[in-house]
Amino acid sequence: MKLIREVTESVKLVTENKLGKGKDYFIEGIFLQSELKNRNGRMYPESVMDNEVKRYVKEYVEKNRAYGELGHPDTPSINLHLVSHMITSLRKEGTNYIGRAKILETPNGMIARGLLDGGANLGVSSRALGSLKSNNEGVQIVQDDFMLSTAADIVADPSAPDAFVRGIMENKEWVFVDGKFVEKHIEEVKAVIQKTSSRNLEEAKMRAFQNFLSKIR
């Protein structure tokens, strides 16, 4: 079986007030799709997806064990120290499967919250094992051995560094995580961005964003 990953971008942020403790963060939207040739040239038969989603919901979602990570892992294993969220529901709507996931107060969950607070547009990526078989049109059809590792990892689109830099320049609180990214580093990022020419600005943003991630890990 091969590792199969699919990205969808139609997710939105939902916040709910907690009693005296700020907000809970959720993402929700289309996590999985069937009967549709996706941009990777693959198609999931509805019956295959139905069977696996039912198993995944019963064995993982309903038992609060449906975790996802921040990023795009290249292994089917769930690494608990990288978990950022927990999938709380997954339901069928037409040939789509609508998911909802709670952002946890883990180190990676706090990064995700920071990105969302900064205006980042995040997507989700399913991760699974399965076999593929080409049909006469060259579409890769996912076979009956399809098995989800997670219905949703959180992945960033190219707007993430922009959201991060905008948050830095506007003094958003999210740049502080457990005191590991202190004011000194914020001032360093500001200085670099302010001195960078427009021609090199995108590269500087990406470096600053990657440096931020390395420091809070």
C-alpha atoms as a PDB file:
ATOM      1  CA  MET A   1       0.000   0.000   0.000  1.00  0.00           C
ATOM      2  CA  LYS A   2       1.066   3.565  -0.662  1.00  0.00           C
ATOM      3  CA  LEU A   3       0.869   6.633   1.532  1.00  0.00           C
ATOM      4  CA  ILE A   4      -1.933   8.777   0.083  1.00  0.00           C
ATOM      5  CA  ARG A   5      -2.309  12.451   0.968  1.00  0.00           C
ATOM      6  CA  GLU A   6      -4.973  14.852  -0.275  1.00  0.00           C
ATOM      7  CA  VAL A   7      -5.274  18.569   0.461  1.00  0.00           C
ATOM      8  CA  THR A   8      -8.500  20.570   0.624  1.00  0.00           C
ATOM      9  CA  GLU A   9      -8.631  24.298   1.272  1.00  0.00           C
ATOM     10  CA  SER A  10     -12.308  24.909   2.015  1.00  0.00           C
ATOM     11  CA  VAL A  11     -12.044  25.069   5.796  1.00  0.00           C
ATOM     12  CA  LYS A  12     -12.982  27.948   8.043  1.00  0.00           C
ATOM     13  CA  LEU A  13     -12.175  29.057  11.568  1.00  0.00           C
ATOM     14  CA  VAL A  14     -14.870  28.890  14.241  1.00  0.00           C
ATOM     15  CA  THR A  15     -14.388  30.188  17.779  1.00  0.00           C
ATOM     16  CA  GLU A  16     -16.558  29.498  20.799  1.00  0.00           C
ATOM     17  CA  ASN A  17     -16.341  31.246  24.145  1.00  0.00           C
ATOM     18  CA  LYS A  18     -15.243  29.143  27.100  1.00  0.00           C
ATOM     19  CA  LEU A  19     -16.624  29.948  30.516  1.00  0.00           C
ATOM     20  CA  GLY A  20     -14.064  32.333  31.975  1.00  0.00           C
ATOM     21  CA  LYS A  21     -11.218  30.859  29.923  1.00  0.00           C
ATOM     22  CA  GLY A  22     -11.083  32.667  26.606  1.00  0.00           C
ATOM     23  CA  LYS A  23     -12.036  30.821  23.431  1.00  0.00           C
ATOM     24  CA  ASP A  24     -12.018  27.371  21.928  1.00  0.00           C
ATOM     25  CA  TYR A  25     -10.795  27.236  18.341  1.00  0.00           C
ATOM     26  CA  PHE A  26     -12.231  24.906  15.704  1.00  0.00           C
ATOM     27  CA  ILE A  27     -11.715  24.422  12.007  1.00  0.00           C
ATOM     28  CA  GLU A  28     -14.498  22.968   9.907  1.00  0.00           C
ATOM     29  CA  GLY A  29     -15.252  22.288   6.269  1.00  0.00           C
ATOM     30  CA  ILE A  30     -14.755  19.614   3.631  1.00  0.00           C
ATOM     31  CA  PHE A  31     -12.148  17.142   4.870  1.00  0.00           C
ATOM     32  CA  LEU A  32     -12.700  14.337   2.337  1.00  0.00           C
ATOM     33  CA  GLN A  33     -14.317  13.919  -1.086  1.00  0.00           C
ATOM     34  CA  SER A  34     -15.453  10.938  -3.173  1.00  0.00           C
ATOM     35  CA  GLU A  35     -16.563  10.330  -6.773  1.00  0.00           C
ATOM     36  CA  LEU A  36     -14.394  13.211  -7.968  1.00  0.00           C
ATOM     37  CA  LYS A  37     -11.088  13.183  -9.852  1.00  0.00           C
ATOM     38  CA  ASN A  38      -8.886  15.390  -7.709  1.00  0.00           C
ATOM     39  CA  ARG A  39      -5.890  17.474  -8.736  1.00  0.00           C
ATOM     40  CA  ASN A  40      -3.601  14.540  -7.931  1.00  0.00           C
ATOM     41  CA  GLY A  41      -5.392  12.439 -10.559  1.00  0.00           C
ATOM     42  CA  ARG A  42      -6.985  10.173  -7.959  1.00  0.00           C
ATOM     43  CA  MET A  43     -10.603   9.254  -7.358  1.00  0.00           C
ATOM     44  CA  TYR A  44     -12.190   7.701  -4.257  1.00  0.00           C
ATOM     45  CA  PRO A  45     -15.262   5.541  -4.973  1.00  0.00           C
ATOM     46  CA  GLU A  46     -18.128   6.536  -2.696  1.00  0.00           C
ATOM     47  CA  SER A  47     -18.496   3.007  -1.325  1.00  0.00           C
ATOM     48  CA  VAL A  48     -14.800   2.837  -0.412  1.00  0.00           C
ATOM     49  CA  MET A  49     -14.880   6.220   1.305  1.00  0.00           C
ATOM     50  CA  ASP A  50     -18.160   5.440   3.097  1.00  0.00           C
ATOM     51  CA  ASN A  51     -16.819   2.223   4.584  1.00  0.00           C
ATOM     52  CA  GLU A  52     -13.594   3.757   5.766  1.00  0.00           C
ATOM     53  CA  VAL A  53     -15.184   6.904   7.198  1.00  0.00           C
ATOM     54  CA  LYS A  54     -17.625   4.761   9.185  1.00  0.00           C
ATOM     55  CA  ARG A  55     -14.731   2.731  10.605  1.00  0.00           C
ATOM     56  CA  TYR A  56     -12.682   5.834  11.364  1.00  0.00           C
ATOM     57  CA  VAL A  57     -15.592   7.579  13.108  1.00  0.00           C
ATOM     58  CA  LYS A  58     -16.417   4.522  15.214  1.00  0.00           C
ATOM     59  CA  GLU A  59     -12.848   3.613  16.184  1.00  0.00           C
ATOM     60  CA  TYR A  60     -11.321   7.069  16.449  1.00  0.00           C
ATOM     61  CA  VAL A  61     -13.651  10.075  16.365  1.00  0.00           C
ATOM     62  CA  GLU A  62     -16.202   8.674  18.816  1.00  0.00           C
ATOM     63  CA  LYS A  63     -13.398   7.616  21.181  1.00  0.00           C
ATOM     64  CA  ASN A  64     -11.609  11.007  21.094  1.00  0.00           C
ATOM     65  CA  ARG A  65      -8.605   9.430  19.370  1.00  0.00           C
ATOM     66  CA  ALA A  66      -8.858  11.125  15.961  1.00  0.00           C
ATOM     67  CA  TYR A  67      -5.763  13.324  16.043  1.00  0.00           C
ATOM     68  CA  GLY A  68      -4.079  15.407  13.386  1.00  0.00           C
ATOM     69  CA  GLU A  69      -0.733  17.142  13.106  1.00  0.00           C
ATOM     70  CA  LEU A  70       0.455  20.555  12.011  1.00  0.00           C
ATOM     71  CA  GLY A  71       2.250  20.138   8.701  1.00  0.00           C
ATOM     72  CA  HIS A  72       2.440  17.489   6.019  1.00  0.00           C
ATOM     73  CA  PRO A  73       4.064  14.329   7.501  1.00  0.00           C
ATOM     74  CA  ASP A  74       5.392  11.723   5.080  1.00  0.00           C
ATOM     75  CA  THR A  75       4.558   8.772   7.336  1.00  0.00           C
ATOM     76  CA  PRO A  76       1.206   7.134   8.205  1.00  0.00           C
ATOM     77  CA  SER A  77       1.977   7.225  11.938  1.00  0.00           C
ATOM     78  CA  ILE A  78       0.466   9.829  14.261  1.00  0.00           C
ATOM     79  CA  ASN A  79       3.185  11.475  16.347  1.00  0.00           C
ATOM     80  CA  LEU A  80       1.613  12.573  19.610  1.00  0.00           C
ATOM     81  CA  HIS A  81       4.267  15.210  20.272  1.00  0.00           C
ATOM     82  CA  LEU A  82       3.301  16.888  16.971  1.00  0.00           C
ATOM     83  CA  VAL A  83      -0.485  16.753  17.415  1.00  0.00           C
ATOM     84  CA  SER A  84      -2.226  20.105  16.989  1.00  0.00           C
ATOM     85  CA  HIS A  85      -5.919  19.211  16.928  1.00  0.00           C
ATOM     86  CA  MET A  86      -8.538  16.529  17.500  1.00  0.00           C
ATOM     87  CA  ILE A  87     -11.267  15.731  14.987  1.00  0.00           C
ATOM     88  CA  THR A  88     -14.599  15.875  16.804  1.00  0.00           C
ATOM     89  CA  SER A  89     -17.033  15.070  13.992  1.00  0.00           C
ATOM     90  CA  LEU A  90     -17.079  13.769  10.433  1.00  0.00           C
ATOM     91  CA  ARG A  91     -20.355  13.508   8.535  1.00  0.00           C
ATOM     92  CA  LYS A  92     -21.405  12.839   4.971  1.00  0.00           C
ATOM     93  CA  GLU A  93     -23.001  15.544   2.843  1.00  0.00           C
ATOM     94  CA  GLY A  94     -23.584  14.418  -0.735  1.00  0.00           C
ATOM     95  CA  THR A  95     -20.278  12.939  -1.839  1.00  0.00           C
ATOM     96  CA  ASN A  96     -18.311  15.164   0.555  1.00  0.00           C
ATOM     97  CA  TYR A  97     -17.430  14.512   4.182  1.00  0.00           C
ATOM     98  CA  ILE A  98     -17.686  17.548   6.423  1.00  0.00           C
ATOM     99  CA  GLY A  99     -15.309  17.596   9.372  1.00  0.00           C
ATOM    100  CA  ARG A 100     -14.850  19.640  12.496  1.00  0.00           C
ATOM    101  CA  ALA A 101     -11.661  19.682  14.555  1.00  0.00           C
ATOM    102  CA  LYS A 102     -10.784  21.330  17.849  1.00  0.00           C
ATOM    103  CA  ILE A 103      -7.423  23.105  18.010  1.00  0.00           C
ATOM    104  CA  LEU A 104      -5.692  21.821  21.140  1.00  0.00           C
ATOM    105  CA  GLU A 105      -3.502  23.712  23.583  1.00  0.00           C
ATOM    106  CA  THR A 106      -0.426  21.721  22.560  1.00  0.00           C
ATOM    107  CA  PRO A 107       2.739  23.425  21.246  1.00  0.00           C
ATOM    108  CA  ASN A 108       1.686  22.824  17.640  1.00  0.00           C
ATOM    109  CA  GLY A 109      -1.899  23.714  18.456  1.00  0.00           C
ATOM    110  CA  MET A 110      -0.733  27.069  19.768  1.00  0.00           C
ATOM    111  CA  ILE A 111       1.167  27.662  16.524  1.00  0.00           C
ATOM    112  CA  ALA A 112      -2.018  26.907  14.588  1.00  0.00           C
ATOM    113  CA  ARG A 113      -3.994  29.286  16.790  1.00  0.00           C
ATOM    114  CA  GLY A 114      -1.386  31.970  16.218  1.00  0.00           C
ATOM    115  CA  LEU A 115      -1.566  31.561  12.472  1.00  0.00           C
ATOM    116  CA  LEU A 116      -5.365  31.718  12.545  1.00  0.00           C
ATOM    117  CA  ASP A 117      -5.330  34.813  14.752  1.00  0.00           C
ATOM    118  CA  GLY A 118      -2.913  36.387  12.304  1.00  0.00           C
ATOM    119  CA  GLY A 119      -5.304  35.851   9.411  1.00  0.00           C
ATOM    120  CA  ALA A 120      -3.692  32.803   7.804  1.00  0.00           C
ATOM    121  CA  ASN A 121      -5.783  30.715   5.420  1.00  0.00           C
ATOM    122  CA  LEU A 122      -5.151  27.134   6.447  1.00  0.00           C
ATOM    123  CA  GLY A 123      -6.149  23.949   4.680  1.00  0.00           C
ATOM    124  CA  VAL A 124      -6.379  20.322   5.707  1.00  0.00           C
ATOM    125  CA  SER A 125      -4.725  17.222   4.331  1.00  0.00           C
ATOM    126  CA  SER A 126      -5.950  13.670   4.818  1.00  0.00           C
ATOM    127  CA  ARG A 127      -3.338  10.948   5.294  1.00  0.00           C
ATOM    128  CA  ALA A 128      -4.019   7.319   4.506  1.00  0.00           C
ATOM    129  CA  LEU A 129      -2.679   4.031   3.223  1.00  0.00           C
ATOM    130  CA  GLY A 130      -4.116   2.305   0.194  1.00  0.00           C
ATOM    131  CA  SER A 131      -3.639   0.736  -3.192  1.00  0.00           C
ATOM    132  CA  LEU A 132      -4.279   2.471  -6.515  1.00  0.00           C
ATOM    133  CA  LYS A 133      -5.426   1.093  -9.849  1.00  0.00           C
ATOM    134  CA  SER A 134      -5.621   3.045 -13.111  1.00  0.00           C
ATOM    135  CA  ASN A 135      -8.814   3.000 -15.140  1.00  0.00           C
ATOM    136  CA  ASN A 136      -9.067   3.402 -18.936  1.00  0.00           C
ATOM    137  CA  GLU A 137      -8.892   7.200 -18.624  1.00  0.00           C
ATOM    138  CA  GLY A 138      -5.697   7.083 -16.570  1.00  0.00           C
ATOM    139  CA  VAL A 139      -7.407   8.056 -13.293  1.00  0.00           C
ATOM    140  CA  GLN A 140      -5.922   6.400 -10.207  1.00  0.00           C
ATOM    141  CA  ILE A 141      -8.799   4.660  -8.421  1.00  0.00           C
ATOM    142  CA  VAL A 142      -8.345   4.096  -4.679  1.00  0.00           C
ATOM    143  CA  GLN A 143      -9.006   0.469  -3.776  1.00  0.00           C
ATOM    144  CA  ASP A 144     -10.881  -1.305  -0.959  1.00  0.00           C
ATOM    145  CA  ASP A 145      -7.811  -1.496   1.310  1.00  0.00           C
ATOM    146  CA  PHE A 146      -7.956   2.284   1.845  1.00  0.00           C
ATOM    147  CA  MET A 147      -7.314   3.118   5.513  1.00  0.00           C
ATOM    148  CA  LEU A 148      -7.199   6.580   7.086  1.00  0.00           C
ATOM    149  CA  SER A 149      -4.398   7.587   9.427  1.00  0.00           C
ATOM    150  CA  THR A 150      -6.096  10.940   9.911  1.00  0.00           C
ATOM    151  CA  ALA A 151      -8.899  12.722   8.134  1.00  0.00           C
ATOM    152  CA  ALA A 152      -7.127  16.049   8.584  1.00  0.00           C
ATOM    153  CA  ASP A 153      -3.650  17.379   9.177  1.00  0.00           C
ATOM    154  CA  ILE A 154      -3.411  21.159   9.149  1.00  0.00           C
ATOM    155  CA  VAL A 155      -1.424  22.557   6.238  1.00  0.00           C
ATOM    156  CA  ALA A 156      -0.507  26.111   5.344  1.00  0.00           C
ATOM    157  CA  ASP A 157      -0.933  27.810   2.026  1.00  0.00           C
ATOM    158  CA  PRO A 158       1.499  30.530   0.878  1.00  0.00           C
ATOM    159  CA  SER A 159      -0.344  33.181   2.878  1.00  0.00           C
ATOM    160  CA  ALA A 160       1.013  31.818   6.185  1.00  0.00           C
ATOM    161  CA  PRO A 161       4.307  33.786   6.176  1.00  0.00           C
ATOM    162  CA  ASP A 162       2.395  36.958   5.235  1.00  0.00           C
ATOM    163  CA  ALA A 163      -0.021  36.442   8.119  1.00  0.00           C
ATOM    164  CA  PHE A 164       2.876  35.805  10.465  1.00  0.00           C
ATOM    165  CA  VAL A 165       4.751  38.951   9.450  1.00  0.00           C
ATOM    166  CA  ARG A 166       1.575  41.037   9.613  1.00  0.00           C
ATOM    167  CA  GLY A 167       1.033  39.782  13.161  1.00  0.00           C
ATOM    168  CA  ILE A 168       4.603  40.686  14.133  1.00  0.00           C
ATOM    169  CA  MET A 169       4.360  44.190  12.698  1.00  0.00           C
ATOM    170  CA  GLU A 170       1.011  44.788  14.414  1.00  0.00           C
ATOM    171  CA  ASN A 171       2.228  43.442  17.789  1.00  0.00           C
ATOM    172  CA  LYS A 172      -0.263  40.570  17.911  1.00  0.00           C
ATOM    173  CA  GLU A 173      -0.097  38.625  21.160  1.00  0.00           C
ATOM    174  CA  TRP A 174       0.125  35.302  19.355  1.00  0.00           C
ATOM    175  CA  VAL A 175       3.822  35.682  18.680  1.00  0.00           C
ATOM    176  CA  PHE A 176       4.469  34.755  22.336  1.00  0.00           C
ATOM    177  CA  VAL A 177       4.329  31.020  23.078  1.00  0.00           C
ATOM    178  CA  ASP A 178       5.281  29.938  26.592  1.00  0.00           C
ATOM    179  CA  GLY A 179       7.912  32.648  26.721  1.00  0.00           C
ATOM    180  CA  LYS A 180      10.029  30.905  24.090  1.00  0.00           C
ATOM    181  CA  PHE A 181       9.649  33.611  21.485  1.00  0.00           C
ATOM    182  CA  VAL A 182      10.519  36.675  23.513  1.00  0.00           C
ATOM    183  CA  GLU A 183      10.351  40.350  22.682  1.00  0.00           C
ATOM    184  CA  LYS A 184      14.003  40.399  21.650  1.00  0.00           C
ATOM    185  CA  HIS A 185      13.248  38.053  18.759  1.00  0.00           C
ATOM    186  CA  ILE A 186      10.205  40.055  17.736  1.00  0.00           C
ATOM    187  CA  GLU A 187      12.284  43.203  17.503  1.00  0.00           C
ATOM    188  CA  GLU A 188      14.883  41.331  15.450  1.00  0.00           C
ATOM    189  CA  VAL A 189      12.228  40.224  12.963  1.00  0.00           C
ATOM    190  CA  LYS A 190      10.817  43.752  12.719  1.00  0.00           C
ATOM    191  CA  ALA A 191      14.265  45.174  12.052  1.00  0.00           C
ATOM    192  CA  VAL A 192      14.962  42.651   9.301  1.00  0.00           C
ATOM    193  CA  ILE A 193      11.613  43.226   7.592  1.00  0.00           C
ATOM    194  CA  GLN A 194      11.925  47.003   7.755  1.00  0.00           C
ATOM    195  CA  LYS A 195      15.416  46.952   6.214  1.00  0.00           C
ATOM    196  CA  THR A 196      14.562  44.483   3.452  1.00  0.00           C
ATOM    197  CA  SER A 197      14.009  45.807  -0.060  1.00  0.00           C
ATOM    198  CA  SER A 198      10.709  45.020  -1.759  1.00  0.00           C
ATOM    199  CA  ARG A 199      12.562  42.788  -4.217  1.00  0.00           C
ATOM    200  CA  ASN A 200      13.697  40.464  -1.409  1.00  0.00           C
ATOM    201  CA  LEU A 201      10.718  40.857   0.905  1.00  0.00           C
ATOM    202  CA  GLU A 202       9.016  37.511   0.183  1.00  0.00           C
ATOM    203  CA  GLU A 203      12.219  35.594   0.876  1.00  0.00           C
ATOM    204  CA  ALA A 204      12.725  37.542   4.120  1.00  0.00           C
ATOM    205  CA  LYS A 205       9.164  36.773   5.226  1.00  0.00           C
ATOM    206  CA  MET A 206       9.669  33.058   4.638  1.00  0.00           C
ATOM    207  CA  ARG A 207      12.956  33.041   6.579  1.00  0.00           C
ATOM    208  CA  ALA A 208      11.350  34.906   9.475  1.00  0.00           C
ATOM    209  CA  PHE A 209       8.402  32.497   9.546  1.00  0.00           C
ATOM    210  CA  GLN A 210      10.636  29.405   9.489  1.00  0.00           C
ATOM    211  CA  ASN A 211      12.840  30.901  12.200  1.00  0.00           C
ATOM    212  CA  PHE A 212       9.757  31.495  14.348  1.00  0.00           C
ATOM    213  CA  LEU A 213       8.653  27.875  13.999  1.00  0.00           C
ATOM    214  CA  SER A 214      12.110  26.577  14.928  1.00  0.00           C
ATOM    215  CA  LYS A 215      12.293  28.733  18.059  1.00  0.00           C
ATOM    216  CA  ILE A 216       8.937  27.708  19.543  1.00  0.00           C
ATOM    217  CA  ARG A 217       9.560  24.026  18.942  1.00  0.00           C
END
